[in-house]
Amino acid sequence: MSIAVSARPVSHPLKAPFRISRGVKTAADVVEVIAEADGHVGRGESVPYARYGESVDSVLAQLAPALSAADPEAGRAALPPGAARNALDLALWDLSARRTGISVAEATSLPIPTDLVTAVTISLDTPEAMEAAARAVADAPLIKIKLSAQDPAARLRAVAAAAPNSRFIVDPNEGWTFDILRELKPLLADLPIALIEQPLPAGQDQALEGWDPPFTVCADESVHVGGDLAALRGRYQAVNLKLDKTGGLTEALALLKAARALDFQVMTGCMVASSLGVAPALHLGGASDFADLDGPWWLAVDHPGGLRVRRGRITPPAPGFWGDGKRAEGLCL
């Protein structure tokens, strides 16, 4: 069987600026990979991330040898974890489902939940703006709060006051010091905190060694693949699994299994991406303790038939969108 593979850059404007401690974005700049064989077409999407030294151009350059390889699956194996391998891996999974009629859910024994609670993210802003944003999604069971080192307590209090019935994931994106974390401990202990996500820069995880907080601390930037887990024991109690970090669903499945074997809680997350990039993660979200898959919710316009996020819950895409082995009738991906 001959597989033809191509890639292209796509930019999805956001409905509002998305700010974190490292910067702001106004569009989801992604790479789409299309794999074709025997009249079937598989698709995958990834988000190149500057934090990991990636750009759209660098990912396209990484993909070039795999796209011209006689065996794209061998090309996939030659790629390191990251956005390039993710887009190719997802396209090959989708193509396999369409060719064989065996869905990804059947192949992995991980069905897509029909109604999954997802975190809804409050972008970093002034306390007043974050309070207003939280009030608008106060019916969501789980809210993620993006923070920095600049007056995090005021922002936490503002969001908590606006959404009194929600639980919170607090995410400084490596923006705190251990002193800030320790100083905020009493306030955090008084709030309904589900997770504190990657408070310290990756590489400074040793500061958490032996610390016993009254909340769960989750690694994000510090974990990409299963081999990273051993160093996180005794420092983190949970890990954030993202397809763009693992380099696709194949490695993500291995990471999920390894994390469970080491008694880590698992959150399945995503970058700000379209439904094409996030739909594959639904298979993992249903097997995780937490899901943070609201990426498409930030887009001004998503793919027709994509995921829907309403009241903090995510519903699957239309039949034929990705990975179910059905034809994408009427869907323009």
Protein backbone atom coordinates (compact mmCIF):
# COMPACT_ATOMS: atom_id res chain seq x y z
CA MET A 1 0.00 0.00 0.00
CA SER A 2 1.30 3.42 -0.95
CA ILE A 3 0.53 6.35 1.38
CA ALA A 4 0.82 9.91 0.08
CA VAL A 5 1.40 12.46 2.82
CA SER A 6 1.30 16.24 2.65
CA ALA A 7 1.34 19.09 5.16
CA ARG A 8 0.14 22.66 5.24
CA PRO A 9 0.05 25.60 7.67
CA VAL A 10 -3.32 26.90 8.82
CA SER A 11 -4.14 29.88 11.02
CA HIS A 12 -7.35 29.94 13.08
CA PRO A 13 -8.14 33.42 14.51
CA LEU A 14 -9.26 33.45 18.14
CA LYS A 15 -12.44 35.09 19.38
CA ALA A 16 -10.42 36.92 22.05
CA PRO A 17 -6.71 37.23 22.95
CA PHE A 18 -5.41 34.27 24.97
CA ARG A 19 -2.87 35.37 27.59
CA ILE A 20 -0.65 33.30 29.84
CA SER A 21 2.41 34.22 31.89
CA ARG A 22 4.67 33.78 28.84
CA GLY A 23 2.75 35.95 26.38
CA VAL A 24 -0.40 36.40 24.33
CA LYS A 25 -1.75 34.84 21.15
CA THR A 26 -4.53 35.96 18.83
CA ALA A 27 -4.59 32.94 16.51
CA ALA A 28 -3.99 29.21 16.67
CA ASP A 29 -1.24 28.67 14.10
CA VAL A 30 -1.26 24.96 13.35
CA VAL A 31 0.14 22.39 10.96
CA GLU A 32 -2.25 19.97 9.26
CA VAL A 33 -1.05 16.67 7.83
CA ILE A 34 -3.10 14.79 5.24
CA ALA A 35 -2.42 11.08 4.60
CA GLU A 36 -4.08 9.45 1.57
CA ALA A 37 -4.25 5.82 0.45
CA ASP A 38 -6.70 3.74 -1.58
CA GLY A 39 -9.13 6.63 -1.85
CA HIS A 40 -9.18 7.22 1.90
CA VAL A 41 -7.97 10.40 3.61
CA GLY A 42 -6.70 10.74 7.17
CA ARG A 43 -6.03 14.04 8.89
CA GLY A 44 -4.05 15.25 11.85
CA GLU A 45 -3.26 18.62 13.40
CA SER A 46 -0.57 19.90 15.73
CA VAL A 47 0.31 23.20 17.37
CA PRO A 48 3.99 24.19 17.15
CA TYR A 49 4.94 25.70 20.51
CA ALA A 50 7.68 28.30 20.91
CA ARG A 51 8.30 27.17 24.51
CA TYR A 52 9.70 23.95 23.05
CA GLY A 53 11.63 25.65 20.27
CA GLU A 54 8.98 24.99 17.64
CA SER A 55 7.42 27.15 14.94
CA VAL A 56 5.19 26.40 11.98
CA ASP A 57 8.23 26.60 9.70
CA SER A 58 10.37 24.34 11.90
CA VAL A 59 7.63 21.71 12.12
CA LEU A 60 7.11 21.73 8.36
CA ALA A 61 10.88 21.32 7.93
CA GLN A 62 10.90 18.42 10.40
CA LEU A 63 8.08 16.76 8.53
CA ALA A 64 9.67 17.09 5.09
CA PRO A 65 11.72 13.84 5.18
CA ALA A 66 8.74 11.87 6.50
CA LEU A 67 6.47 13.28 3.82
CA SER A 68 8.80 12.14 1.06
CA ALA A 69 9.61 8.78 2.66
CA ALA A 70 8.50 5.60 0.93
CA ASP A 71 7.09 4.47 4.28
CA PRO A 72 5.50 7.34 6.26
CA GLU A 73 5.16 5.08 9.29
CA ALA A 74 8.93 4.67 9.36
CA GLY A 75 9.17 8.43 8.96
CA ARG A 76 6.95 8.83 11.99
CA ALA A 77 9.19 6.57 14.04
CA ALA A 78 12.21 8.69 13.12
CA LEU A 79 10.67 11.89 14.47
CA PRO A 80 11.21 13.01 18.09
CA PRO A 81 8.32 13.74 20.44
CA GLY A 82 6.68 17.04 19.55
CA ALA A 83 4.31 18.76 17.18
CA ALA A 84 5.71 17.33 13.92
CA ARG A 85 5.31 13.72 15.00
CA ASN A 86 1.92 14.47 16.51
CA ALA A 87 0.36 15.73 13.27
CA LEU A 88 1.70 12.77 11.30
CA ASP A 89 0.76 10.23 13.96
CA LEU A 90 -2.82 11.48 14.15
CA ALA A 91 -3.21 11.50 10.37
CA LEU A 92 -2.02 7.88 10.20
CA TRP A 93 -4.40 6.82 12.98
CA ASP A 94 -7.30 8.48 11.16
CA LEU A 95 -6.29 6.94 7.83
CA SER A 96 -6.07 3.48 9.38
CA ALA A 97 -9.57 3.82 10.83
CA ARG A 98 -11.01 4.90 7.49
CA ARG A 99 -9.24 2.12 5.55
CA THR A 100 -10.02 -0.73 7.92
CA GLY A 101 -13.33 0.39 9.38
CA ILE A 102 -11.85 -0.21 12.85
CA SER A 103 -12.31 2.97 14.83
CA VAL A 104 -9.63 4.41 17.09
CA ALA A 105 -11.97 3.73 20.01
CA GLU A 106 -12.05 0.03 19.09
CA ALA A 107 -8.31 -0.15 18.40
CA THR A 108 -7.38 1.44 21.74
CA SER A 109 -10.31 0.20 23.86
CA LEU A 110 -10.82 3.85 24.81
CA PRO A 111 -14.29 4.99 23.76
CA ILE A 112 -15.06 8.68 23.40
CA PRO A 113 -17.25 9.94 26.27
CA THR A 114 -20.53 11.41 25.10
CA ASP A 115 -20.54 13.99 27.89
CA LEU A 116 -17.16 14.92 29.38
CA VAL A 117 -16.46 17.66 31.91
CA THR A 118 -13.68 19.89 30.62
CA ALA A 119 -11.93 22.78 32.27
CA VAL A 120 -12.90 26.15 30.82
CA THR A 121 -9.98 28.55 30.79
CA ILE A 122 -9.88 32.10 32.12
CA SER A 123 -7.11 33.93 30.28
CA LEU A 124 -4.64 36.05 32.26
CA ASP A 125 -5.88 39.64 32.58
CA THR A 126 -6.69 42.23 35.21
CA PRO A 127 -8.54 40.94 38.28
CA GLU A 128 -11.66 42.78 37.12
CA ALA A 129 -11.55 41.31 33.62
CA MET A 130 -10.91 37.82 34.97
CA GLU A 131 -13.82 38.18 37.38
CA ALA A 132 -16.11 39.12 34.50
CA ALA A 133 -14.84 36.21 32.41
CA ALA A 134 -15.40 33.80 35.30
CA ARG A 135 -18.91 35.09 35.84
CA ALA A 136 -19.70 34.31 32.21
CA VAL A 137 -18.73 30.64 32.70
CA ALA A 138 -19.76 30.25 36.33
CA ASP A 139 -21.96 27.28 35.40
CA ALA A 140 -18.85 25.27 34.43
CA PRO A 141 -17.95 22.63 37.03
CA LEU A 142 -14.21 23.12 36.43
CA ILE A 143 -12.43 26.40 35.61
CA LYS A 144 -8.76 26.85 34.78
CA ILE A 145 -7.22 30.11 35.98
CA LYS A 146 -4.17 31.39 34.11
CA LEU A 147 -1.88 33.36 36.44
CA SER A 148 1.56 34.95 36.60
CA ALA A 149 3.75 36.21 39.43
CA GLN A 150 1.93 39.57 39.36
CA ASP A 151 -0.63 39.72 42.17
CA PRO A 152 -1.97 36.18 41.78
CA ALA A 153 -3.92 36.40 45.06
CA ALA A 154 -6.16 39.22 43.79
CA ARG A 155 -6.92 37.31 40.61
CA LEU A 156 -7.65 34.09 42.49
CA ARG A 157 -10.06 35.86 44.83
CA ALA A 158 -11.78 37.62 41.94
CA VAL A 159 -12.40 34.42 39.99
CA ALA A 160 -13.46 32.47 43.07
CA ALA A 161 -16.01 35.14 43.99
CA ALA A 162 -17.49 35.09 40.48
CA ALA A 163 -17.78 31.29 40.27
CA PRO A 164 -18.65 30.07 43.78
CA ASN A 165 -19.82 26.63 42.66
CA SER A 166 -16.83 25.71 40.50
CA ARG A 167 -13.58 23.91 41.23
CA PHE A 168 -10.35 25.39 39.95
CA ILE A 169 -7.17 24.42 38.17
CA VAL A 170 -4.54 27.08 38.84
CA ASP A 171 -1.95 27.37 36.07
CA PRO A 172 0.98 29.82 36.31
CA ASN A 173 2.71 28.20 33.30
CA GLU A 174 6.06 27.97 35.13
CA GLY A 175 5.64 31.59 36.24
CA TRP A 176 6.07 31.26 40.01
CA THR A 177 8.93 30.77 42.40
CA PHE A 178 8.72 28.36 45.30
CA ASP A 179 8.45 31.36 47.63
CA ILE A 180 5.32 32.54 45.80
CA LEU A 181 3.83 29.06 45.95
CA ARG A 182 4.56 28.78 49.66
CA GLU A 183 3.15 32.26 50.32
CA LEU A 184 -0.08 31.41 48.49
CA LYS A 185 -0.50 28.06 50.23
CA PRO A 186 -3.04 29.27 52.85
CA LEU A 187 -5.22 30.96 50.23
CA LEU A 188 -5.03 27.99 47.88
CA ALA A 189 -5.90 25.64 50.74
CA ASP A 190 -9.10 27.62 51.38
CA LEU A 191 -10.27 27.45 47.76
CA PRO A 192 -11.81 24.45 45.95
CA ILE A 193 -8.60 23.66 44.10
CA ALA A 194 -8.53 20.57 41.89
CA LEU A 195 -4.93 21.04 40.72
CA ILE A 196 -2.01 23.46 40.81
CA GLU A 197 -0.42 23.02 37.39
CA GLN A 198 3.34 23.48 36.80
CA PRO A 199 3.90 26.34 39.26
CA LEU A 200 7.69 26.32 38.88
CA PRO A 201 9.88 26.30 35.78
CA ALA A 202 10.69 22.86 34.41
CA GLY A 203 14.13 22.01 35.70
CA GLN A 204 13.36 23.40 39.15
CA ASP A 205 11.14 20.51 40.16
CA GLN A 206 13.53 19.54 42.94
CA ALA A 207 12.15 22.43 45.02
CA LEU A 208 8.95 20.40 45.39
CA GLU A 209 10.76 17.34 46.75
CA GLY A 210 9.19 16.29 50.03
CA TRP A 211 6.78 19.24 50.11
CA ASP A 212 3.37 18.16 51.35
CA PRO A 213 0.76 20.66 50.13
CA PRO A 214 -2.97 20.33 50.84
CA PHE A 215 -3.65 20.24 47.10
CA THR A 216 -2.51 18.21 44.10
CA VAL A 217 0.42 19.55 42.08
CA CYS A 218 0.41 18.60 38.39
CA ALA A 219 3.41 18.52 36.04
CA ASP A 220 2.94 19.95 32.56
CA GLU A 221 6.08 21.37 30.96
CA SER A 222 8.13 18.88 33.01
CA VAL A 223 6.58 15.79 31.40
CA HIS A 224 6.49 14.89 27.73
CA VAL A 225 6.96 11.11 27.51
CA GLY A 226 6.94 8.11 29.82
CA GLY A 227 10.67 8.37 30.47
CA ASP A 228 10.11 11.67 32.29
CA LEU A 229 7.93 10.20 35.01
CA ALA A 230 10.50 8.66 37.34
CA ALA A 231 12.09 12.04 38.11
CA LEU A 232 8.69 13.49 39.05
CA ARG A 233 7.86 11.04 41.83
CA GLY A 234 7.81 12.70 45.23
CA ARG A 235 7.46 16.09 43.54
CA TYR A 236 4.18 15.91 41.64
CA GLN A 237 1.03 13.92 42.21
CA ALA A 238 -0.43 14.35 38.72
CA VAL A 239 0.75 14.79 35.13
CA ASN A 240 -0.71 16.66 32.17
CA LEU A 241 -0.76 14.56 29.03
CA LYS A 242 -0.84 16.52 25.75
CA LEU A 243 -0.58 15.06 22.26
CA ASP A 244 1.65 17.90 21.09
CA LYS A 245 4.15 17.04 23.82
CA THR A 246 4.09 13.26 23.46
CA GLY A 247 4.24 13.46 19.69
CA GLY A 248 0.92 11.81 19.04
CA LEU A 249 -1.62 9.31 20.30
CA THR A 250 0.79 6.38 20.06
CA GLU A 251 3.16 7.71 22.73
CA ALA A 252 0.30 9.26 24.69
CA LEU A 253 -1.21 5.81 25.22
CA ALA A 254 2.13 4.58 26.56
CA LEU A 255 2.45 7.62 28.84
CA LEU A 256 -1.06 7.11 30.20
CA LYS A 257 -0.27 3.49 31.05
CA ALA A 258 3.07 4.37 32.64
CA ALA A 259 1.56 7.19 34.69
CA ARG A 260 -1.13 4.90 36.06
CA ALA A 261 1.47 2.28 36.94
CA LEU A 262 3.29 4.89 39.04
CA ASP A 263 0.06 6.07 40.72
CA PHE A 264 -0.01 9.51 39.14
CA GLN A 265 -3.32 11.19 38.56
CA VAL A 266 -3.72 12.17 34.91
CA MET A 267 -5.10 15.23 33.21
CA THR A 268 -5.50 15.21 29.45
CA GLY A 269 -4.88 18.69 28.11
CA CYS A 270 -4.44 20.46 24.81
CA MET A 271 -3.01 23.55 23.20
CA VAL A 272 -5.31 26.21 21.76
CA ALA A 273 -6.21 24.28 18.62
CA SER A 274 -9.10 23.40 16.34
CA SER A 275 -11.33 20.39 16.85
CA LEU A 276 -9.12 18.46 14.45
CA GLY A 277 -6.26 18.71 16.94
CA VAL A 278 -8.35 18.07 20.05
CA ALA A 279 -10.79 15.34 18.96
CA PRO A 280 -8.15 12.58 19.25
CA ALA A 281 -7.53 13.56 22.88
CA LEU A 282 -11.12 12.69 23.79
CA HIS A 283 -10.09 9.03 23.81
CA LEU A 284 -7.63 9.84 26.59
CA GLY A 285 -9.90 12.31 28.36
CA GLY A 286 -12.39 9.63 29.21
CA ALA A 287 -9.64 7.59 30.88
CA SER A 288 -8.23 10.55 32.83
CA ASP A 289 -9.02 12.13 36.17
CA PHE A 290 -9.34 15.57 34.58
CA ALA A 291 -9.82 16.91 31.07
CA ASP A 292 -8.69 20.32 29.87
CA LEU A 293 -9.85 20.24 26.27
CA ASP A 294 -11.48 23.59 25.64
CA GLY A 295 -8.97 24.63 22.93
CA PRO A 296 -11.56 24.84 20.11
CA TRP A 297 -13.81 26.98 22.34
CA TRP A 298 -11.31 29.82 21.88
CA LEU A 299 -11.58 29.83 18.08
CA ALA A 300 -13.64 32.45 16.27
CA VAL A 301 -14.61 29.75 13.74
CA ASP A 302 -13.96 26.03 14.15
CA HIS A 303 -14.36 23.18 11.65
CA PRO A 304 -17.96 22.27 10.78
CA GLY A 305 -19.02 19.25 12.79
CA GLY A 306 -16.34 19.81 15.43
CA LEU A 307 -16.43 19.53 19.20
CA ARG A 308 -18.88 21.56 21.23
CA VAL A 309 -18.11 23.04 24.64
CA ARG A 310 -21.15 24.17 26.58
CA ARG A 311 -21.51 24.82 30.30
CA GLY A 312 -18.16 23.21 30.95
CA ARG A 313 -18.95 19.99 29.12
CA ILE A 314 -17.60 18.76 25.82
CA THR A 315 -19.50 16.67 23.31
CA PRO A 316 -17.90 14.64 20.51
CA PRO A 317 -17.64 15.77 16.90
CA ALA A 318 -19.98 14.66 14.14
CA PRO A 319 -19.64 11.13 12.70
CA GLY A 320 -16.80 10.97 10.21
CA PHE A 321 -14.88 13.88 11.73
CA TRP A 322 -11.85 11.95 13.03
CA GLY A 323 -10.95 8.42 13.95
CA ASP A 324 -14.30 6.64 13.78
CA GLY A 325 -13.73 5.05 10.38
CA LYS A 326 -16.74 6.74 8.79
CA ARG A 327 -16.82 8.97 5.77
CA ALA A 328 -16.81 12.67 6.54
CA GLU A 329 -20.04 13.41 4.70
CA GLY A 330 -20.61 17.15 4.40
CA LEU A 331 -17.63 18.03 6.58
CA CYS A 332 -15.08 20.40 5.07
CA LEU A 333 -11.95 19.83 7.13
